[in-house]
Amino acid sequence: MLRSITIALLTVTGAAIAAPLHNSAEQVDTGPTISDNPIRPWMRQKGLLTDEQEALYLTGADTSRYTSAIAWAPLVAWNWVTKGTLNVGNVPAYSGDMIIDHRSTLIIGSHKTVKNWWANVPGSEPCSKKMCETFGFYTFPCSTPPTVTFTFGGHQFPISPEDFSLGPTDDGGTKCFGAIIGSENVPEDAWVIGEKFMKSTYTVFDRSNSRVGFAVPV
């Protein structure tokens, strides 16, 4: 059965989640998420969040929703942690543990590792506290968005420039907010991978085989 649901008050268009061998949405929960962080109200106030819809397919994978073979990545911890790489162009700018969390909105890492990731993006810079009212956000030139891809199970999955950008910082439209932010509320050695990635993929949570899968969506 394919149905539309709202997860953690924020959902997203174009994404699909399958949960093989599960019979409730609660069984694919990943624990506390960045949605509990104070940055979320700020993002909504700035118009950087929208209330859209996400598809959840239970007890299997809906083959009509993806076009490629599923690339499987084994879990290294129970709360949907797997190994992956986040690339800027051809540069593997972060490699390590990734928590696949359909209830989080952005892509979040520790301040140190996120700073190192953004160092590979030409023209990027930390967003000032005066502009962003909080630390952790970065901006980049709207006219030259970076090519961002994830690598899971030996396959690459891109994030579209539209999904990577949270929108311009002002009416001039020269600088845009990026979807990868630093936070003190995540482990030093793991990133939280939220909706901004899953909008560009078909994601399969397979607890019975201790793995998570990704495919190219329709």
C-alpha atoms as a PDB file:
ATOM      1  CA  MET A   1       0.000   0.000   0.000  1.00  0.00           C
ATOM      2  CA  LEU A   2       1.359   3.407  -0.982  1.00  0.00           C
ATOM      3  CA  ARG A   3       0.122   6.363   0.982  1.00  0.00           C
ATOM      4  CA  SER A   4       1.130   9.918   1.781  1.00  0.00           C
ATOM      5  CA  ILE A   5       2.010  10.728   5.369  1.00  0.00           C
ATOM      6  CA  THR A   6       3.470  13.581   7.349  1.00  0.00           C
ATOM      7  CA  ILE A   7       6.584  12.734   9.355  1.00  0.00           C
ATOM      8  CA  ALA A   8       7.723  14.940  12.235  1.00  0.00           C
ATOM      9  CA  LEU A   9       5.549  17.807  10.951  1.00  0.00           C
ATOM     10  CA  LEU A  10       7.717  18.277   7.869  1.00  0.00           C
ATOM     11  CA  THR A  11       7.652  16.201   4.723  1.00  0.00           C
ATOM     12  CA  VAL A  12       9.100  16.539   1.297  1.00  0.00           C
ATOM     13  CA  THR A  13       8.006  16.197  -2.307  1.00  0.00           C
ATOM     14  CA  GLY A  14       9.588  13.611  -4.553  1.00  0.00           C
ATOM     15  CA  ALA A  15      11.041  11.386  -1.866  1.00  0.00           C
ATOM     16  CA  ALA A  16       9.981   7.833  -1.209  1.00  0.00           C
ATOM     17  CA  ILE A  17      10.749   5.579   1.736  1.00  0.00           C
ATOM     18  CA  ALA A  18      10.280   1.847   1.838  1.00  0.00           C
ATOM     19  CA  ALA A  19      10.422  -0.175   5.041  1.00  0.00           C
ATOM     20  CA  PRO A  20      10.627  -3.876   4.151  1.00  0.00           C
ATOM     21  CA  LEU A  21       9.354  -6.334   6.738  1.00  0.00           C
ATOM     22  CA  HIS A  22       7.965  -3.606   8.956  1.00  0.00           C
ATOM     23  CA  ASN A  23       4.305  -2.899   9.613  1.00  0.00           C
ATOM     24  CA  SER A  24       4.363   0.542  11.201  1.00  0.00           C
ATOM     25  CA  ALA A  25       6.003   3.885  10.603  1.00  0.00           C
ATOM     26  CA  GLU A  26       7.296   3.916  14.167  1.00  0.00           C
ATOM     27  CA  GLN A  27       9.521   0.941  13.423  1.00  0.00           C
ATOM     28  CA  VAL A  28      11.671   2.960  11.060  1.00  0.00           C
ATOM     29  CA  ASP A  29      12.264   5.746  13.584  1.00  0.00           C
ATOM     30  CA  THR A  30      15.898   6.657  14.185  1.00  0.00           C
ATOM     31  CA  GLY A  31      15.750   8.337  17.584  1.00  0.00           C
ATOM     32  CA  PRO A  32      16.218  12.040  18.417  1.00  0.00           C
ATOM     33  CA  THR A  33      16.650  14.256  15.391  1.00  0.00           C
ATOM     34  CA  ILE A  34      17.879  17.696  14.495  1.00  0.00           C
ATOM     35  CA  SER A  35      14.221  18.701  14.192  1.00  0.00           C
ATOM     36  CA  ASP A  36      14.339  19.247  17.961  1.00  0.00           C
ATOM     37  CA  ASN A  37      17.055  21.889  17.514  1.00  0.00           C
ATOM     38  CA  PRO A  38      16.213  25.618  17.879  1.00  0.00           C
ATOM     39  CA  ILE A  39      17.394  26.245  14.301  1.00  0.00           C
ATOM     40  CA  ARG A  40      14.177  24.727  12.974  1.00  0.00           C
ATOM     41  CA  PRO A  41      11.878  27.610  14.052  1.00  0.00           C
ATOM     42  CA  TRP A  42      14.444  30.060  12.665  1.00  0.00           C
ATOM     43  CA  MET A  43      14.451  28.280   9.316  1.00  0.00           C
ATOM     44  CA  ARG A  44      10.661  28.336   9.167  1.00  0.00           C
ATOM     45  CA  GLN A  45      10.636  32.035  10.029  1.00  0.00           C
ATOM     46  CA  LYS A  46      13.075  32.704   7.181  1.00  0.00           C
ATOM     47  CA  GLY A  47      10.910  30.729   4.770  1.00  0.00           C
ATOM     48  CA  LEU A  48      13.527  27.997   4.315  1.00  0.00           C
ATOM     49  CA  LEU A  49      11.118  25.167   5.202  1.00  0.00           C
ATOM     50  CA  THR A  50       7.993  24.107   3.374  1.00  0.00           C
ATOM     51  CA  ASP A  51       5.248  21.646   4.259  1.00  0.00           C
ATOM     52  CA  GLU A  52       5.304  19.117   1.456  1.00  0.00           C
ATOM     53  CA  GLN A  53       4.463  15.436   1.162  1.00  0.00           C
ATOM     54  CA  GLU A  54       6.521  12.276   1.390  1.00  0.00           C
ATOM     55  CA  ALA A  55       5.593   8.756   0.332  1.00  0.00           C
ATOM     56  CA  LEU A  56       6.000   5.829   2.732  1.00  0.00           C
ATOM     57  CA  TYR A  57       5.685   2.306   1.317  1.00  0.00           C
ATOM     58  CA  LEU A  58       5.349  -0.440   3.923  1.00  0.00           C
ATOM     59  CA  THR A  59       6.343  -4.142   3.852  1.00  0.00           C
ATOM     60  CA  GLY A  60       8.291  -3.951   0.618  1.00  0.00           C
ATOM     61  CA  ALA A  61       9.736  -1.704  -2.076  1.00  0.00           C
ATOM     62  CA  ASP A  62       7.504  -0.105  -4.706  1.00  0.00           C
ATOM     63  CA  THR A  63       9.313  -0.849  -7.977  1.00  0.00           C
ATOM     64  CA  SER A  64       7.256   1.790  -9.786  1.00  0.00           C
ATOM     65  CA  ARG A  65       9.014   4.483  -7.740  1.00  0.00           C
ATOM     66  CA  TYR A  66      12.626   3.850  -8.781  1.00  0.00           C
ATOM     67  CA  THR A  67      14.530   3.098 -11.982  1.00  0.00           C
ATOM     68  CA  SER A  68      17.880   1.636 -10.906  1.00  0.00           C
ATOM     69  CA  ALA A  69      19.004  -1.378  -8.939  1.00  0.00           C
ATOM     70  CA  ILE A  70      19.028  -0.782  -5.174  1.00  0.00           C
ATOM     71  CA  ALA A  71      22.513  -0.102  -3.811  1.00  0.00           C
ATOM     72  CA  TRP A  72      22.669  -1.715  -0.374  1.00  0.00           C
ATOM     73  CA  ALA A  73      24.848  -0.422   2.456  1.00  0.00           C
ATOM     74  CA  PRO A  74      25.223  -2.519   5.644  1.00  0.00           C
ATOM     75  CA  LEU A  75      24.357  -0.969   8.986  1.00  0.00           C
ATOM     76  CA  VAL A  76      27.164  -0.464  11.483  1.00  0.00           C
ATOM     77  CA  ALA A  77      24.790   0.449  14.340  1.00  0.00           C
ATOM     78  CA  TRP A  78      21.136  -0.226  15.084  1.00  0.00           C
ATOM     79  CA  ASN A  79      19.876   3.357  14.554  1.00  0.00           C
ATOM     80  CA  TRP A  80      20.322   3.291  10.747  1.00  0.00           C
ATOM     81  CA  VAL A  81      24.020   4.138  10.772  1.00  0.00           C
ATOM     82  CA  THR A  82      25.974   3.143   7.678  1.00  0.00           C
ATOM     83  CA  LYS A  83      29.245   4.105   6.017  1.00  0.00           C
ATOM     84  CA  GLY A  84      29.235   6.625   3.203  1.00  0.00           C
ATOM     85  CA  THR A  85      31.073   9.443   1.473  1.00  0.00           C
ATOM     86  CA  LEU A  86      29.912  12.969   0.707  1.00  0.00           C
ATOM     87  CA  ASN A  87      31.668  14.405  -2.310  1.00  0.00           C
ATOM     88  CA  VAL A  88      32.211  17.888  -3.718  1.00  0.00           C
ATOM     89  CA  GLY A  89      32.805  17.298  -7.415  1.00  0.00           C
ATOM     90  CA  ASN A  90      35.371  14.508  -7.478  1.00  0.00           C
ATOM     91  CA  VAL A  91      36.678  15.245  -3.980  1.00  0.00           C
ATOM     92  CA  PRO A  92      35.560  12.936  -1.127  1.00  0.00           C
ATOM     93  CA  ALA A  93      35.131  15.784   1.368  1.00  0.00           C
ATOM     94  CA  TYR A  94      33.714  13.617   4.172  1.00  0.00           C
ATOM     95  CA  SER A  95      33.808   9.858   4.675  1.00  0.00           C
ATOM     96  CA  GLY A  96      32.542   7.983   7.689  1.00  0.00           C
ATOM     97  CA  ASP A  97      29.429   7.084   9.643  1.00  0.00           C
ATOM     98  CA  MET A  98      26.123   8.470   8.389  1.00  0.00           C
ATOM     99  CA  ILE A  99      22.795   8.293  10.232  1.00  0.00           C
ATOM    100  CA  ILE A 100      19.998   8.003   7.675  1.00  0.00           C
ATOM    101  CA  ASP A 101      17.167   9.944   9.302  1.00  0.00           C
ATOM    102  CA  HIS A 102      13.942  10.582   7.399  1.00  0.00           C
ATOM    103  CA  ARG A 103      12.698  12.879  10.180  1.00  0.00           C
ATOM    104  CA  SER A 104      15.552  15.371   9.878  1.00  0.00           C
ATOM    105  CA  THR A 105      15.453  18.104   7.290  1.00  0.00           C
ATOM    106  CA  LEU A 106      19.063  18.963   6.552  1.00  0.00           C
ATOM    107  CA  ILE A 107      22.452  17.275   6.385  1.00  0.00           C
ATOM    108  CA  ILE A 108      24.212  17.850   9.697  1.00  0.00           C
ATOM    109  CA  GLY A 109      27.702  17.145  10.963  1.00  0.00           C
ATOM    110  CA  SER A 110      29.978  18.395  13.705  1.00  0.00           C
ATOM    111  CA  HIS A 111      31.233  21.948  13.310  1.00  0.00           C
ATOM    112  CA  LYS A 112      34.779  20.769  12.588  1.00  0.00           C
ATOM    113  CA  THR A 113      33.948  18.203   9.912  1.00  0.00           C
ATOM    114  CA  VAL A 114      31.396  20.474   8.236  1.00  0.00           C
ATOM    115  CA  LYS A 115      33.908  23.316   8.142  1.00  0.00           C
ATOM    116  CA  ASN A 116      36.378  20.966   6.438  1.00  0.00           C
ATOM    117  CA  TRP A 117      33.688  19.903   3.930  1.00  0.00           C
ATOM    118  CA  TRP A 118      32.787  23.458   2.976  1.00  0.00           C
ATOM    119  CA  ALA A 119      36.456  24.309   2.504  1.00  0.00           C
ATOM    120  CA  ASN A 120      36.175  22.395  -0.784  1.00  0.00           C
ATOM    121  CA  VAL A 121      33.401  24.668  -2.124  1.00  0.00           C
ATOM    122  CA  PRO A 122      34.749  27.759  -3.945  1.00  0.00           C
ATOM    123  CA  GLY A 123      33.290  31.020  -2.690  1.00  0.00           C
ATOM    124  CA  SER A 124      31.648  29.479   0.379  1.00  0.00           C
ATOM    125  CA  GLU A 125      31.835  31.060   3.810  1.00  0.00           C
ATOM    126  CA  PRO A 126      30.263  30.682   7.246  1.00  0.00           C
ATOM    127  CA  CYS A 127      27.029  32.578   7.658  1.00  0.00           C
ATOM    128  CA  SER A 128      27.503  35.366  10.186  1.00  0.00           C
ATOM    129  CA  LYS A 129      25.523  35.246  13.394  1.00  0.00           C
ATOM    130  CA  LYS A 130      24.095  38.658  12.506  1.00  0.00           C
ATOM    131  CA  MET A 131      22.599  37.246   9.320  1.00  0.00           C
ATOM    132  CA  CYS A 132      21.705  33.720  10.455  1.00  0.00           C
ATOM    133  CA  GLU A 133      21.085  34.372  14.165  1.00  0.00           C
ATOM    134  CA  THR A 134      22.738  31.028  14.856  1.00  0.00           C
ATOM    135  CA  PHE A 135      26.024  29.288  14.069  1.00  0.00           C
ATOM    136  CA  GLY A 136      26.514  26.382  11.691  1.00  0.00           C
ATOM    137  CA  PHE A 137      25.082  27.603   8.384  1.00  0.00           C
ATOM    138  CA  TYR A 138      27.214  28.275   5.316  1.00  0.00           C
ATOM    139  CA  THR A 139      26.595  30.244   2.156  1.00  0.00           C
ATOM    140  CA  PHE A 140      27.814  29.786  -1.410  1.00  0.00           C
ATOM    141  CA  PRO A 141      27.478  31.749  -4.683  1.00  0.00           C
ATOM    142  CA  CYS A 142      23.956  31.100  -6.023  1.00  0.00           C
ATOM    143  CA  SER A 143      25.253  31.249  -9.607  1.00  0.00           C
ATOM    144  CA  THR A 144      27.795  28.451  -9.104  1.00  0.00           C
ATOM    145  CA  PRO A 145      26.321  25.740  -6.846  1.00  0.00           C
ATOM    146  CA  PRO A 146      28.683  22.866  -6.032  1.00  0.00           C
ATOM    147  CA  THR A 147      28.258  19.405  -7.523  1.00  0.00           C
ATOM    148  CA  VAL A 148      27.323  17.321  -4.474  1.00  0.00           C
ATOM    149  CA  THR A 149      27.036  13.532  -4.469  1.00  0.00           C
ATOM    150  CA  PHE A 150      26.803  10.778  -1.881  1.00  0.00           C
ATOM    151  CA  THR A 151      28.488   7.407  -2.316  1.00  0.00           C
ATOM    152  CA  PHE A 152      26.736   4.391  -0.780  1.00  0.00           C
ATOM    153  CA  GLY A 153      27.329   0.752  -1.644  1.00  0.00           C
ATOM    154  CA  GLY A 154      29.756   1.733  -4.407  1.00  0.00           C
ATOM    155  CA  HIS A 155      27.193   3.917  -6.215  1.00  0.00           C
ATOM    156  CA  GLN A 156      26.903   7.696  -6.392  1.00  0.00           C
ATOM    157  CA  PHE A 157      23.695   9.611  -5.764  1.00  0.00           C
ATOM    158  CA  PRO A 158      23.578  13.337  -6.592  1.00  0.00           C
ATOM    159  CA  ILE A 159      21.733  16.102  -4.807  1.00  0.00           C
ATOM    160  CA  SER A 160      20.166  18.539  -7.243  1.00  0.00           C
ATOM    161  CA  PRO A 161      21.240  22.198  -6.933  1.00  0.00           C
ATOM    162  CA  GLU A 162      17.611  23.064  -6.125  1.00  0.00           C
ATOM    163  CA  ASP A 163      17.606  20.686  -3.159  1.00  0.00           C
ATOM    164  CA  PHE A 164      21.072  21.668  -1.986  1.00  0.00           C
ATOM    165  CA  SER A 165      20.174  25.360  -1.822  1.00  0.00           C
ATOM    166  CA  LEU A 166      17.884  26.569   0.955  1.00  0.00           C
ATOM    167  CA  GLY A 167      17.363  29.817  -0.922  1.00  0.00           C
ATOM    168  CA  PRO A 168      19.084  33.203  -1.237  1.00  0.00           C
ATOM    169  CA  THR A 169      20.309  35.115   1.777  1.00  0.00           C
ATOM    170  CA  ASP A 170      18.693  38.349   0.542  1.00  0.00           C
ATOM    171  CA  ASP A 171      16.787  39.870  -2.352  1.00  0.00           C
ATOM    172  CA  GLY A 172      19.997  40.298  -4.311  1.00  0.00           C
ATOM    173  CA  GLY A 173      20.265  36.547  -4.795  1.00  0.00           C
ATOM    174  CA  THR A 174      24.054  36.441  -4.971  1.00  0.00           C
ATOM    175  CA  LYS A 175      24.590  34.180  -1.942  1.00  0.00           C
ATOM    176  CA  CYS A 176      22.521  31.123  -1.025  1.00  0.00           C
ATOM    177  CA  PHE A 177      22.204  29.095   2.170  1.00  0.00           C
ATOM    178  CA  GLY A 178      23.541  25.536   1.862  1.00  0.00           C
ATOM    179  CA  ALA A 179      21.772  22.413   3.119  1.00  0.00           C
ATOM    180  CA  ILE A 180      24.855  21.133   4.972  1.00  0.00           C
ATOM    181  CA  ILE A 181      25.268  22.669   8.423  1.00  0.00           C
ATOM    182  CA  GLY A 182      27.373  22.226  11.524  1.00  0.00           C
ATOM    183  CA  SER A 183      25.870  21.490  14.915  1.00  0.00           C
ATOM    184  CA  GLU A 184      27.006  20.641  18.427  1.00  0.00           C
ATOM    185  CA  ASN A 185      24.031  18.285  18.759  1.00  0.00           C
ATOM    186  CA  VAL A 186      25.454  15.496  16.602  1.00  0.00           C
ATOM    187  CA  PRO A 187      28.302  13.052  17.284  1.00  0.00           C
ATOM    188  CA  GLU A 188      31.794  14.190  16.327  1.00  0.00           C
ATOM    189  CA  ASP A 189      32.268  11.087  14.189  1.00  0.00           C
ATOM    190  CA  ALA A 190      28.891  10.811  12.410  1.00  0.00           C
ATOM    191  CA  TRP A 191      26.669  12.914  10.164  1.00  0.00           C
ATOM    192  CA  VAL A 192      22.869  12.994  10.096  1.00  0.00           C
ATOM    193  CA  ILE A 193      21.522  12.617   6.566  1.00  0.00           C
ATOM    194  CA  GLY A 194      18.007  14.007   6.258  1.00  0.00           C
ATOM    195  CA  GLU A 195      15.365  14.900   3.697  1.00  0.00           C
ATOM    196  CA  LYS A 196      17.586  17.078   1.545  1.00  0.00           C
ATOM    197  CA  PHE A 197      19.353  13.895   0.453  1.00  0.00           C
ATOM    198  CA  MET A 198      16.288  11.649   0.394  1.00  0.00           C
ATOM    199  CA  LYS A 199      14.435  13.989  -1.965  1.00  0.00           C
ATOM    200  CA  SER A 200      16.898  12.804  -4.615  1.00  0.00           C
ATOM    201  CA  THR A 201      16.740   9.075  -3.841  1.00  0.00           C
ATOM    202  CA  TYR A 202      14.445   6.152  -3.189  1.00  0.00           C
ATOM    203  CA  THR A 203      15.424   4.937   0.284  1.00  0.00           C
ATOM    204  CA  VAL A 204      14.800   1.451   1.673  1.00  0.00           C
ATOM    205  CA  PHE A 205      15.083   0.695   5.408  1.00  0.00           C
ATOM    206  CA  ASP A 206      15.638  -3.064   5.741  1.00  0.00           C
ATOM    207  CA  ARG A 207      15.970  -3.930   9.425  1.00  0.00           C
ATOM    208  CA  SER A 208      15.680  -7.694   8.959  1.00  0.00           C
ATOM    209  CA  ASN A 209      18.852  -7.750   6.831  1.00  0.00           C
ATOM    210  CA  SER A 210      20.568  -4.956   8.777  1.00  0.00           C
ATOM    211  CA  ARG A 211      20.987  -2.677   5.783  1.00  0.00           C
ATOM    212  CA  VAL A 212      19.715   0.458   4.089  1.00  0.00           C
ATOM    213  CA  GLY A 213      19.319   0.794   0.337  1.00  0.00           C
ATOM    214  CA  PHE A 214      19.239   3.622  -2.178  1.00  0.00           C
ATOM    215  CA  ALA A 215      18.033   3.818  -5.755  1.00  0.00           C
ATOM    216  CA  VAL A 216      17.432   6.441  -8.437  1.00  0.00           C
ATOM    217  CA  PRO A 217      13.810   7.629  -8.140  1.00  0.00           C
ATOM    218  CA  VAL A 218      11.363   8.007 -11.004  1.00  0.00           C
END
